[in-house]
Amino acid sequence: MALEKVAPIILAAGKSTRFGSNKLLAEVEFKGIRQALLLHTLSPWLDVFERVYLVTPKENQLIEEACHSIDHSIEFIKAEQSELGMGHSLAAGVEACHSSQGYLIGLADMPMIEPEILENLVNKLEQGFPIAAPYFEGRRGHPVAFSQIYRDALLALSGDVGAKSILLENEKLIEKVNVKSSSVLTDIDLKSDLSVLS
């Protein structure tokens, strides 16, 4: 399973309720660069993949504008029912990548993921593992890689729990990729969380 056969899907259709405004568009400085949080998240993915699939709400003009400088490398997927929860957004992303042999599912509010982690997860699918996930100090993080055998299960997702049910049902089949970085657990929910980037 070559790298290009795995669809890199980033979920960016959340409401940012706890943040108080669209956190993905918040201008933050990280590694000496000041730009929208979403662009920081996209950067390592675009280092690994030629094209990334970004799942957004139906009304995504501001997100597309923020991505204007790199939109040639992004395919925007509008999740018609994103307001109903992450499960719907995830299913929309998988449906749009119907020809892929696997899916690497990430979250748009996790800007610290290293490219090596993305590559390692895809390599596990290439080696034949059905699911691969990063673990930091025993805790499972994101993103998570799924083989195509889970396509129907991913398409059936709904609500706001994402793929957690699939992971719980197949826990013994998960290939654990131990990482030395807490980046796989670090997401931005509150404005105070931005301090981790400084």
N, C-alpha and C. Protein backbone atom coordinates (compact mmCIF):
# COMPACT_ATOMS: atom_id res chain seq x y z
N MET A 1 0.85 -1.19 0.00
CA MET A 1 0.00 0.00 0.00
C MET A 1 0.89 1.24 0.00
N ALA A 2 1.01 1.89 -1.11
CA ALA A 2 1.88 3.04 -1.22
C ALA A 2 1.31 4.23 -0.46
N LEU A 3 2.19 5.15 -0.11
CA LEU A 3 1.78 6.32 0.66
C LEU A 3 0.61 7.04 0.02
N GLU A 4 0.66 7.18 -1.32
CA GLU A 4 -0.40 7.94 -2.00
C GLU A 4 -1.73 7.19 -2.01
N LYS A 5 -1.72 5.91 -1.64
CA LYS A 5 -2.97 5.13 -1.61
C LYS A 5 -3.73 5.35 -0.30
N VAL A 6 -3.09 6.01 0.67
CA VAL A 6 -3.74 6.31 1.94
C VAL A 6 -4.21 7.76 1.91
N ALA A 7 -5.49 7.96 2.15
CA ALA A 7 -6.06 9.32 2.11
C ALA A 7 -5.84 10.03 3.44
N PRO A 8 -5.13 11.17 3.42
CA PRO A 8 -4.96 11.97 4.63
C PRO A 8 -6.16 12.89 4.82
N ILE A 9 -6.97 12.61 5.81
CA ILE A 9 -8.22 13.34 6.04
C ILE A 9 -8.13 14.10 7.36
N ILE A 10 -8.32 15.42 7.30
CA ILE A 10 -8.29 16.24 8.50
C ILE A 10 -9.68 16.82 8.74
N LEU A 11 -10.18 16.62 9.94
CA LEU A 11 -11.52 17.08 10.28
C LEU A 11 -11.47 18.52 10.79
N ALA A 12 -12.13 19.41 10.06
CA ALA A 12 -12.09 20.83 10.39
C ALA A 12 -13.49 21.44 10.38
N ALA A 13 -14.47 20.67 10.84
CA ALA A 13 -15.86 21.12 10.75
C ALA A 13 -16.49 21.36 12.11
N GLY A 14 -15.66 21.43 13.17
CA GLY A 14 -16.21 21.64 14.50
C GLY A 14 -16.70 23.07 14.72
N LYS A 15 -17.40 23.27 15.83
CA LYS A 15 -18.02 24.58 16.11
C LYS A 15 -17.14 25.49 16.97
N SER A 16 -16.08 24.97 17.56
CA SER A 16 -15.18 25.76 18.43
C SER A 16 -15.96 26.42 19.57
N THR A 17 -16.94 25.72 20.10
CA THR A 17 -17.82 26.31 21.12
C THR A 17 -17.05 26.78 22.35
N ARG A 18 -16.14 25.94 22.84
CA ARG A 18 -15.42 26.29 24.07
C ARG A 18 -14.38 27.38 23.84
N PHE A 19 -13.92 27.53 22.60
CA PHE A 19 -12.90 28.54 22.30
C PHE A 19 -13.51 29.94 22.26
N GLY A 20 -14.78 30.02 21.84
CA GLY A 20 -15.47 31.31 21.80
C GLY A 20 -15.50 31.96 20.43
N SER A 21 -14.69 31.47 19.52
CA SER A 21 -14.68 31.92 18.13
C SER A 21 -14.06 30.78 17.33
N ASN A 22 -13.96 30.95 16.02
CA ASN A 22 -13.41 29.86 15.21
C ASN A 22 -11.91 29.71 15.49
N LYS A 23 -11.57 28.71 16.28
CA LYS A 23 -10.18 28.56 16.72
C LYS A 23 -9.24 28.27 15.56
N LEU A 24 -9.75 27.64 14.51
CA LEU A 24 -8.89 27.29 13.39
C LEU A 24 -8.38 28.52 12.65
N LEU A 25 -9.08 29.63 12.80
CA LEU A 25 -8.69 30.86 12.12
C LEU A 25 -7.90 31.79 13.05
N ALA A 26 -7.74 31.39 14.30
CA ALA A 26 -7.01 32.22 15.26
C ALA A 26 -5.55 32.36 14.84
N GLU A 27 -5.05 33.58 14.80
CA GLU A 27 -3.66 33.83 14.43
C GLU A 27 -2.77 33.53 15.63
N VAL A 28 -1.87 32.56 15.47
CA VAL A 28 -0.98 32.19 16.57
C VAL A 28 0.44 32.00 16.03
N GLU A 29 1.39 32.20 16.92
CA GLU A 29 2.79 32.02 16.53
C GLU A 29 3.28 30.67 17.02
N PHE A 30 3.93 29.94 16.13
CA PHE A 30 4.46 28.62 16.46
C PHE A 30 5.70 28.39 15.58
N LYS A 31 6.78 28.02 16.22
CA LYS A 31 8.05 27.81 15.52
C LYS A 31 8.48 29.04 14.71
N GLY A 32 8.20 30.21 15.29
CA GLY A 32 8.63 31.45 14.67
C GLY A 32 7.76 31.94 13.53
N ILE A 33 6.66 31.26 13.28
CA ILE A 33 5.76 31.66 12.20
C ILE A 33 4.40 32.02 12.80
N ARG A 34 3.87 33.17 12.39
CA ARG A 34 2.54 33.58 12.86
C ARG A 34 1.54 33.42 11.72
N GLN A 35 0.55 32.58 11.95
CA GLN A 35 -0.47 32.32 10.94
C GLN A 35 -1.67 31.65 11.61
N ALA A 36 -2.71 31.38 10.84
CA ALA A 36 -3.89 30.72 11.39
C ALA A 36 -3.53 29.35 11.96
N LEU A 37 -4.15 28.99 13.06
CA LEU A 37 -3.90 27.70 13.70
C LEU A 37 -4.04 26.55 12.70
N LEU A 38 -5.03 26.63 11.84
CA LEU A 38 -5.26 25.58 10.85
C LEU A 38 -4.04 25.38 9.96
N LEU A 39 -3.37 26.46 9.58
CA LEU A 39 -2.21 26.35 8.70
C LEU A 39 -1.04 25.67 9.42
N HIS A 40 -0.92 25.92 10.70
CA HIS A 40 0.11 25.22 11.48
C HIS A 40 -0.17 23.71 11.48
N THR A 41 -1.44 23.35 11.63
CA THR A 41 -1.81 21.94 11.62
C THR A 41 -1.53 21.30 10.27
N LEU A 42 -1.86 22.01 9.21
CA LEU A 42 -1.69 21.47 7.86
C LEU A 42 -0.23 21.28 7.47
N SER A 43 0.65 22.09 8.01
CA SER A 43 2.05 22.12 7.57
C SER A 43 2.74 20.76 7.57
N PRO A 44 2.74 20.00 8.67
CA PRO A 44 3.41 18.70 8.64
C PRO A 44 2.73 17.69 7.72
N TRP A 45 1.42 17.79 7.59
CA TRP A 45 0.70 16.89 6.69
C TRP A 45 1.13 17.13 5.24
N LEU A 46 1.29 18.40 4.89
CA LEU A 46 1.69 18.72 3.52
C LEU A 46 3.17 18.43 3.28
N ASP A 47 3.94 18.26 4.35
CA ASP A 47 5.32 17.80 4.20
C ASP A 47 5.37 16.33 3.80
N VAL A 48 4.32 15.59 4.17
CA VAL A 48 4.29 14.15 3.93
C VAL A 48 3.45 13.79 2.71
N PHE A 49 2.33 14.46 2.54
CA PHE A 49 1.38 14.13 1.47
C PHE A 49 1.32 15.26 0.44
N GLU A 50 1.17 14.89 -0.81
CA GLU A 50 1.03 15.89 -1.87
C GLU A 50 -0.33 16.59 -1.79
N ARG A 51 -1.33 15.87 -1.32
CA ARG A 51 -2.68 16.42 -1.24
C ARG A 51 -3.33 15.98 0.07
N VAL A 52 -4.03 16.91 0.69
CA VAL A 52 -4.71 16.63 1.95
C VAL A 52 -6.19 16.94 1.77
N TYR A 53 -7.03 16.10 2.36
CA TYR A 53 -8.48 16.28 2.30
C TYR A 53 -8.94 16.94 3.59
N LEU A 54 -9.53 18.13 3.47
CA LEU A 54 -9.95 18.90 4.63
C LEU A 54 -11.47 18.92 4.68
N VAL A 55 -12.03 18.33 5.72
CA VAL A 55 -13.48 18.27 5.89
C VAL A 55 -13.94 19.51 6.64
N THR A 56 -14.82 20.28 6.01
CA THR A 56 -15.27 21.56 6.56
C THR A 56 -16.80 21.60 6.64
N PRO A 57 -17.34 22.61 7.31
CA PRO A 57 -18.80 22.82 7.26
C PRO A 57 -19.21 23.23 5.85
N LYS A 58 -20.51 23.25 5.60
CA LYS A 58 -21.00 23.68 4.29
C LYS A 58 -20.57 25.11 4.00
N GLU A 59 -20.69 25.97 5.00
CA GLU A 59 -20.26 27.37 4.84
C GLU A 59 -18.79 27.44 5.26
N ASN A 60 -17.90 27.37 4.29
CA ASN A 60 -16.48 27.28 4.63
C ASN A 60 -15.62 28.36 3.98
N GLN A 61 -16.25 29.46 3.59
CA GLN A 61 -15.53 30.49 2.84
C GLN A 61 -14.30 31.01 3.60
N LEU A 62 -14.46 31.25 4.91
CA LEU A 62 -13.35 31.78 5.69
C LEU A 62 -12.20 30.78 5.78
N ILE A 63 -12.55 29.50 5.90
CA ILE A 63 -11.51 28.47 5.94
C ILE A 63 -10.78 28.40 4.61
N GLU A 64 -11.53 28.44 3.52
CA GLU A 64 -10.88 28.40 2.20
C GLU A 64 -9.99 29.62 2.00
N GLU A 65 -10.44 30.77 2.47
CA GLU A 65 -9.63 31.98 2.34
C GLU A 65 -8.34 31.85 3.14
N ALA A 66 -8.44 31.27 4.33
CA ALA A 66 -7.24 31.10 5.17
C ALA A 66 -6.24 30.16 4.50
N CYS A 67 -6.75 29.22 3.74
CA CYS A 67 -5.90 28.23 3.08
C CYS A 67 -5.49 28.65 1.66
N HIS A 68 -5.81 29.87 1.29
CA HIS A 68 -5.63 30.31 -0.09
C HIS A 68 -4.21 30.08 -0.60
N SER A 69 -3.22 30.33 0.24
CA SER A 69 -1.83 30.22 -0.21
C SER A 69 -1.41 28.78 -0.50
N ILE A 70 -2.14 27.83 0.05
CA ILE A 70 -1.78 26.42 -0.16
C ILE A 70 -2.94 25.59 -0.70
N ASP A 71 -4.00 26.27 -1.18
CA ASP A 71 -5.21 25.52 -1.54
C ASP A 71 -5.03 24.60 -2.74
N HIS A 72 -3.92 24.75 -3.47
CA HIS A 72 -3.66 23.82 -4.57
C HIS A 72 -3.33 22.43 -4.04
N SER A 73 -2.99 22.35 -2.76
CA SER A 73 -2.63 21.06 -2.15
C SER A 73 -3.75 20.51 -1.27
N ILE A 74 -4.88 21.21 -1.23
CA ILE A 74 -5.98 20.83 -0.35
C ILE A 74 -7.24 20.58 -1.15
N GLU A 75 -7.90 19.49 -0.87
CA GLU A 75 -9.21 19.25 -1.43
C GLU A 75 -10.24 19.45 -0.33
N PHE A 76 -11.11 20.42 -0.50
CA PHE A 76 -12.11 20.73 0.51
C PHE A 76 -13.33 19.82 0.35
N ILE A 77 -13.72 19.22 1.45
CA ILE A 77 -14.89 18.34 1.47
C ILE A 77 -15.92 18.98 2.41
N LYS A 78 -17.03 19.39 1.87
CA LYS A 78 -18.07 20.02 2.68
C LYS A 78 -18.97 18.94 3.28
N ALA A 79 -18.96 18.86 4.59
CA ALA A 79 -19.79 17.89 5.29
C ALA A 79 -21.19 18.47 5.47
N GLU A 80 -22.15 17.91 4.77
CA GLU A 80 -23.50 18.46 4.77
C GLU A 80 -24.15 18.46 6.15
N GLN A 81 -23.76 17.50 6.99
CA GLN A 81 -24.38 17.40 8.32
C GLN A 81 -23.36 17.56 9.43
N SER A 82 -22.37 18.39 9.21
CA SER A 82 -21.30 18.55 10.20
C SER A 82 -21.83 19.03 11.54
N GLU A 83 -22.94 19.77 11.52
CA GLU A 83 -23.46 20.29 12.78
C GLU A 83 -23.97 19.18 13.70
N LEU A 84 -24.16 17.98 13.15
CA LEU A 84 -24.64 16.86 13.95
C LEU A 84 -23.51 16.11 14.66
N GLY A 85 -22.26 16.50 14.38
CA GLY A 85 -21.16 15.91 15.12
C GLY A 85 -20.03 15.37 14.26
N MET A 86 -18.93 15.03 14.94
CA MET A 86 -17.72 14.59 14.28
C MET A 86 -17.91 13.32 13.46
N GLY A 87 -18.78 12.44 13.92
CA GLY A 87 -19.01 11.19 13.18
C GLY A 87 -19.48 11.46 11.76
N HIS A 88 -20.36 12.42 11.59
CA HIS A 88 -20.86 12.77 10.26
C HIS A 88 -19.74 13.34 9.39
N SER A 89 -18.89 14.18 9.99
CA SER A 89 -17.78 14.76 9.24
C SER A 89 -16.79 13.69 8.81
N LEU A 90 -16.50 12.77 9.71
CA LEU A 90 -15.56 11.71 9.39
C LEU A 90 -16.10 10.85 8.25
N ALA A 91 -17.38 10.51 8.34
CA ALA A 91 -18.00 9.70 7.29
C ALA A 91 -17.96 10.42 5.94
N ALA A 92 -18.17 11.73 5.95
CA ALA A 92 -18.14 12.51 4.71
C ALA A 92 -16.74 12.48 4.09
N GLY A 93 -15.73 12.55 4.93
CA GLY A 93 -14.36 12.50 4.44
C GLY A 93 -14.03 11.16 3.81
N VAL A 94 -14.42 10.09 4.45
CA VAL A 94 -14.15 8.74 3.93
C VAL A 94 -14.92 8.51 2.63
N GLU A 95 -16.17 8.97 2.59
CA GLU A 95 -16.98 8.80 1.38
C GLU A 95 -16.33 9.49 0.18
N ALA A 96 -15.75 10.65 0.41
CA ALA A 96 -15.12 11.40 -0.68
C ALA A 96 -13.84 10.74 -1.18
N CYS A 97 -13.27 9.85 -0.37
CA CYS A 97 -12.01 9.18 -0.72
C CYS A 97 -12.27 7.70 -1.00
N HIS A 98 -13.31 7.43 -1.79
CA HIS A 98 -13.80 6.07 -1.99
C HIS A 98 -12.77 5.13 -2.62
N SER A 99 -11.81 5.66 -3.36
CA SER A 99 -10.85 4.80 -4.04
C SER A 99 -9.60 4.52 -3.22
N SER A 100 -9.53 5.08 -2.03
CA SER A 100 -8.34 4.92 -1.20
C SER A 100 -8.29 3.54 -0.56
N GLN A 101 -7.08 3.09 -0.28
CA GLN A 101 -6.89 1.79 0.36
C GLN A 101 -6.74 1.91 1.88
N GLY A 102 -6.75 3.13 2.35
CA GLY A 102 -6.65 3.38 3.78
C GLY A 102 -6.91 4.84 4.05
N TYR A 103 -7.06 5.18 5.33
CA TYR A 103 -7.40 6.55 5.72
C TYR A 103 -6.59 6.93 6.96
N LEU A 104 -5.96 8.08 6.91
CA LEU A 104 -5.30 8.62 8.09
C LEU A 104 -6.13 9.80 8.55
N ILE A 105 -6.80 9.63 9.69
CA ILE A 105 -7.78 10.60 10.17
C ILE A 105 -7.17 11.47 11.26
N GLY A 106 -7.10 12.78 10.98
CA GLY A 106 -6.54 13.70 11.95
C GLY A 106 -7.51 14.81 12.29
N LEU A 107 -7.12 15.63 13.27
CA LEU A 107 -7.97 16.72 13.75
C LEU A 107 -7.28 18.06 13.48
N ALA A 108 -8.06 19.03 13.04
CA ALA A 108 -7.51 20.31 12.60
C ALA A 108 -7.01 21.18 13.75
N ASP A 109 -7.32 20.81 14.99
CA ASP A 109 -6.87 21.63 16.12
C ASP A 109 -5.67 21.01 16.84
N MET A 110 -4.91 20.18 16.10
CA MET A 110 -3.71 19.56 16.68
C MET A 110 -2.49 19.96 15.85
N PRO A 111 -1.93 21.14 16.13
CA PRO A 111 -0.89 21.72 15.28
C PRO A 111 0.53 21.22 15.52
N MET A 112 0.73 20.34 16.51
CA MET A 112 2.10 19.99 16.89
C MET A 112 2.54 18.61 16.41
N ILE A 113 1.71 17.93 15.63
CA ILE A 113 2.05 16.58 15.15
C ILE A 113 3.28 16.65 14.24
N GLU A 114 4.23 15.75 14.45
CA GLU A 114 5.44 15.72 13.64
C GLU A 114 5.23 14.87 12.39
N PRO A 115 5.86 15.24 11.28
CA PRO A 115 5.73 14.46 10.03
C PRO A 115 6.09 12.99 10.21
N GLU A 116 7.08 12.71 11.04
CA GLU A 116 7.53 11.33 11.22
C GLU A 116 6.41 10.45 11.78
N ILE A 117 5.57 11.02 12.61
CA ILE A 117 4.46 10.26 13.18
C ILE A 117 3.46 9.88 12.09
N LEU A 118 3.18 10.83 11.21
CA LEU A 118 2.27 10.55 10.10
C LEU A 118 2.83 9.44 9.21
N GLU A 119 4.11 9.52 8.91
CA GLU A 119 4.75 8.51 8.06
C GLU A 119 4.73 7.14 8.72
N ASN A 120 5.00 7.09 10.01
CA ASN A 120 5.02 5.81 10.72
C ASN A 120 3.65 5.14 10.72
N LEU A 121 2.61 5.93 10.88
CA LEU A 121 1.25 5.36 10.91
C LEU A 121 0.88 4.78 9.55
N VAL A 122 1.21 5.51 8.49
CA VAL A 122 0.93 4.99 7.14
C VAL A 122 1.76 3.74 6.87
N ASN A 123 3.00 3.73 7.33
CA ASN A 123 3.84 2.54 7.14
C ASN A 123 3.24 1.31 7.79
N LYS A 124 2.58 1.50 8.90
CA LYS A 124 1.95 0.35 9.57
C LYS A 124 0.83 -0.23 8.71
N LEU A 125 0.07 0.61 8.03
CA LEU A 125 -0.95 0.10 7.11
C LEU A 125 -0.27 -0.65 5.96
N GLU A 126 0.85 -0.11 5.48
CA GLU A 126 1.57 -0.77 4.39
C GLU A 126 2.06 -2.15 4.81
N GLN A 127 2.35 -2.30 6.09
CA GLN A 127 2.82 -3.58 6.61
C GLN A 127 1.69 -4.57 6.87
N GLY A 128 0.45 -4.11 6.68
CA GLY A 128 -0.68 -5.01 6.80
C GLY A 128 -1.51 -4.90 8.07
N PHE A 129 -1.14 -3.97 8.94
CA PHE A 129 -1.95 -3.79 10.15
C PHE A 129 -3.25 -3.09 9.80
N PRO A 130 -4.39 -3.53 10.37
CA PRO A 130 -5.68 -2.94 10.01
C PRO A 130 -5.91 -1.55 10.60
N ILE A 131 -5.35 -1.30 11.78
CA ILE A 131 -5.47 -0.01 12.44
C ILE A 131 -4.13 0.32 13.10
N ALA A 132 -3.74 1.56 13.04
CA ALA A 132 -2.53 2.00 13.73
C ALA A 132 -2.81 3.33 14.42
N ALA A 133 -2.34 3.46 15.64
CA ALA A 133 -2.56 4.69 16.39
C ALA A 133 -1.32 5.03 17.21
N PRO A 134 -1.07 6.32 17.40
CA PRO A 134 0.07 6.72 18.21
C PRO A 134 -0.27 6.67 19.70
N TYR A 135 0.69 6.25 20.51
CA TYR A 135 0.51 6.19 21.96
C TYR A 135 1.65 6.95 22.63
N PHE A 136 1.27 7.81 23.55
CA PHE A 136 2.26 8.53 24.34
C PHE A 136 2.04 8.19 25.81
N GLU A 137 3.04 7.57 26.42
CA GLU A 137 2.96 7.16 27.82
C GLU A 137 1.68 6.38 28.11
N GLY A 138 1.36 5.48 27.17
CA GLY A 138 0.23 4.57 27.36
C GLY A 138 -1.12 5.12 26.96
N ARG A 139 -1.17 6.37 26.54
CA ARG A 139 -2.45 6.99 26.14
C ARG A 139 -2.54 7.08 24.62
N ARG A 140 -3.66 6.63 24.08
CA ARG A 140 -3.85 6.69 22.63
C ARG A 140 -4.14 8.12 22.21
N GLY A 141 -3.51 8.52 21.08
CA GLY A 141 -3.71 9.87 20.57
C GLY A 141 -4.20 9.87 19.14
N HIS A 142 -3.93 10.97 18.47
CA HIS A 142 -4.32 11.17 17.07
C HIS A 142 -3.09 11.58 16.27
N PRO A 143 -3.15 11.37 14.95
CA PRO A 143 -4.23 10.79 14.14
C PRO A 143 -4.24 9.26 14.21
N VAL A 144 -5.27 8.68 13.61
CA VAL A 144 -5.41 7.21 13.59
C VAL A 144 -5.53 6.75 12.15
N ALA A 145 -4.84 5.67 11.84
CA ALA A 145 -4.86 5.11 10.48
C ALA A 145 -5.75 3.88 10.44
N PHE A 146 -6.61 3.84 9.43
CA PHE A 146 -7.54 2.72 9.24
C PHE A 146 -7.34 2.11 7.86
N SER A 147 -7.32 0.80 7.80
CA SER A 147 -7.33 0.11 6.52
C SER A 147 -8.71 0.26 5.88
N GLN A 148 -8.77 0.02 4.58
CA GLN A 148 -10.03 0.12 3.84
C GLN A 148 -11.08 -0.88 4.35
N ILE A 149 -10.65 -1.91 5.05
CA ILE A 149 -11.62 -2.90 5.55
C ILE A 149 -12.62 -2.26 6.53
N TYR A 150 -12.28 -1.08 7.03
CA TYR A 150 -13.19 -0.39 7.96
C TYR A 150 -14.01 0.69 7.26
N ARG A 151 -13.97 0.69 5.95
CA ARG A 151 -14.67 1.74 5.21
C ARG A 151 -16.16 1.80 5.57
N ASP A 152 -16.84 0.67 5.51
CA ASP A 152 -18.28 0.67 5.80
C ASP A 152 -18.57 1.12 7.22
N ALA A 153 -17.73 0.69 8.15
CA ALA A 153 -17.93 1.09 9.55
C ALA A 153 -17.72 2.60 9.72
N LEU A 154 -16.74 3.14 9.01
CA LEU A 154 -16.49 4.58 9.09
C LEU A 154 -17.62 5.37 8.43
N LEU A 155 -18.13 4.85 7.32
CA LEU A 155 -19.24 5.51 6.64
C LEU A 155 -20.52 5.52 7.47
N ALA A 156 -20.63 4.57 8.38
CA ALA A 156 -21.84 4.46 9.19
C ALA A 156 -21.80 5.33 10.45
N LEU A 157 -20.69 6.03 10.66
CA LEU A 157 -20.56 6.83 11.87
C LEU A 157 -21.53 8.01 11.88
N SER A 158 -21.96 8.38 13.07
CA SER A 158 -22.82 9.54 13.25
C SER A 158 -22.57 10.08 14.65
N GLY A 159 -23.23 11.17 14.98
CA GLY A 159 -23.06 11.73 16.32
C GLY A 159 -21.71 12.38 16.49
N ASP A 160 -21.30 12.56 17.74
CA ASP A 160 -20.11 13.36 18.03
C ASP A 160 -18.99 12.57 18.70
N VAL A 161 -18.95 11.26 18.49
CA VAL A 161 -17.90 10.46 19.14
C VAL A 161 -16.83 10.01 18.17
N GLY A 162 -16.93 10.43 16.92
CA GLY A 162 -15.91 10.04 15.95
C GLY A 162 -15.84 8.53 15.79
N ALA A 163 -14.61 8.02 15.68
CA ALA A 163 -14.42 6.59 15.43
C ALA A 163 -14.14 5.81 16.71
N LYS A 164 -14.44 6.41 17.85
CA LYS A 164 -14.12 5.77 19.13
C LYS A 164 -14.75 4.38 19.25
N SER A 165 -15.97 4.22 18.74
CA SER A 165 -16.64 2.92 18.84
C SER A 165 -15.88 1.85 18.06
N ILE A 166 -15.38 2.21 16.89
CA ILE A 166 -14.62 1.26 16.08
C ILE A 166 -13.32 0.87 16.80
N LEU A 167 -12.67 1.84 17.39
CA LEU A 167 -11.42 1.58 18.10
C LEU A 167 -11.66 0.69 19.32
N LEU A 168 -12.75 0.90 20.03
CA LEU A 168 -13.04 0.09 21.20
C LEU A 168 -13.37 -1.35 20.80
N GLU A 169 -14.11 -1.51 19.73
CA GLU A 169 -14.50 -2.85 19.27
C GLU A 169 -13.32 -3.63 18.71
N ASN A 170 -12.30 -2.92 18.25
CA ASN A 170 -11.16 -3.57 17.61
C ASN A 170 -9.85 -3.28 18.35
N GLU A 171 -9.97 -3.09 19.65
CA GLU A 171 -8.81 -2.66 20.44
C GLU A 171 -7.62 -3.60 20.31
N LYS A 172 -7.88 -4.89 20.25
CA LYS A 172 -6.78 -5.86 20.18
C LYS A 172 -6.07 -5.85 18.83
N LEU A 173 -6.70 -5.25 17.82
CA LEU A 173 -6.11 -5.22 16.48
C LEU A 173 -5.31 -3.94 16.22
N ILE A 174 -5.36 -3.00 17.16
CA ILE A 174 -4.65 -1.74 16.97
C ILE A 174 -3.15 -1.94 17.11
N GLU A 175 -2.41 -1.53 16.10
CA GLU A 175 -0.95 -1.52 16.20
C GLU A 175 -0.56 -0.23 16.91
N LYS A 176 0.04 -0.39 18.08
CA LYS A 176 0.40 0.77 18.89
C LYS A 176 1.76 1.31 18.46
N VAL A 177 1.76 2.55 18.03
CA VAL A 177 3.00 3.22 17.63
C VAL A 177 3.40 4.14 18.78
N ASN A 178 4.36 3.70 19.56
CA ASN A 178 4.80 4.50 20.71
C ASN A 178 5.62 5.69 20.24
N VAL A 179 5.26 6.87 20.72
CA VAL A 179 5.95 8.10 20.32
C VAL A 179 6.50 8.79 21.56
N LYS A 180 7.50 9.64 21.34
CA LYS A 180 8.16 10.34 22.44
C LYS A 180 7.61 11.74 22.64
N SER A 181 6.61 12.09 21.85
CA SER A 181 6.07 13.45 21.88
C SER A 181 4.62 13.46 22.31
N SER A 182 4.28 14.41 23.18
CA SER A 182 2.89 14.53 23.63
C SER A 182 2.03 15.23 22.58
N SER A 183 2.61 15.52 21.42
CA SER A 183 1.86 16.22 20.37
C SER A 183 0.62 15.46 19.95
N VAL A 184 0.65 14.14 20.08
CA VAL A 184 -0.48 13.31 19.64
C VAL A 184 -1.66 13.41 20.60
N LEU A 185 -1.43 14.06 21.74
CA LEU A 185 -2.51 14.26 22.73
C LEU A 185 -2.90 15.72 22.85
N THR A 186 -2.15 16.60 22.19
CA THR A 186 -2.30 18.04 22.41
C THR A 186 -3.21 18.68 21.37
N ASP A 187 -4.42 19.03 21.80
CA ASP A 187 -5.32 19.76 20.92
C ASP A 187 -5.63 21.11 21.55
N ILE A 188 -6.22 21.98 20.77
CA ILE A 188 -6.55 23.33 21.23
C ILE A 188 -8.06 23.43 21.36
N ASP A 189 -8.53 23.49 22.60
CA ASP A 189 -9.97 23.64 22.85
C ASP A 189 -10.30 25.03 23.40
N LEU A 190 -9.42 25.53 24.26
CA LEU A 190 -9.63 26.82 24.91
C LEU A 190 -8.53 27.79 24.49
N LYS A 191 -8.80 29.08 24.61
CA LYS A 191 -7.77 30.06 24.27
C LYS A 191 -6.54 29.89 25.15
N SER A 192 -6.74 29.44 26.38
CA SER A 192 -5.60 29.23 27.27
C SER A 192 -4.70 28.09 26.80
N ASP A 193 -5.26 27.19 25.96
CA ASP A 193 -4.45 26.07 25.44
C ASP A 193 -3.38 26.54 24.47
N LEU A 194 -3.56 27.74 23.92
CA LEU A 194 -2.58 28.25 22.94
C LEU A 194 -1.21 28.44 23.56
N SER A 195 -1.15 28.46 24.91
CA SER A 195 0.14 28.66 25.58
C SER A 195 1.11 27.52 25.29
N VAL A 196 0.61 26.35 24.91
CA VAL A 196 1.50 25.21 24.64
C VAL A 196 2.33 25.45 23.38
N LEU A 197 1.92 26.39 22.54
CA LEU A 197 2.62 26.65 21.30
C LEU A 197 3.78 27.63 21.48
N SER A 198 3.82 28.28 22.63
CA SER A 198 4.86 29.31 22.83
C SER A 198 6.10 28.73 23.49
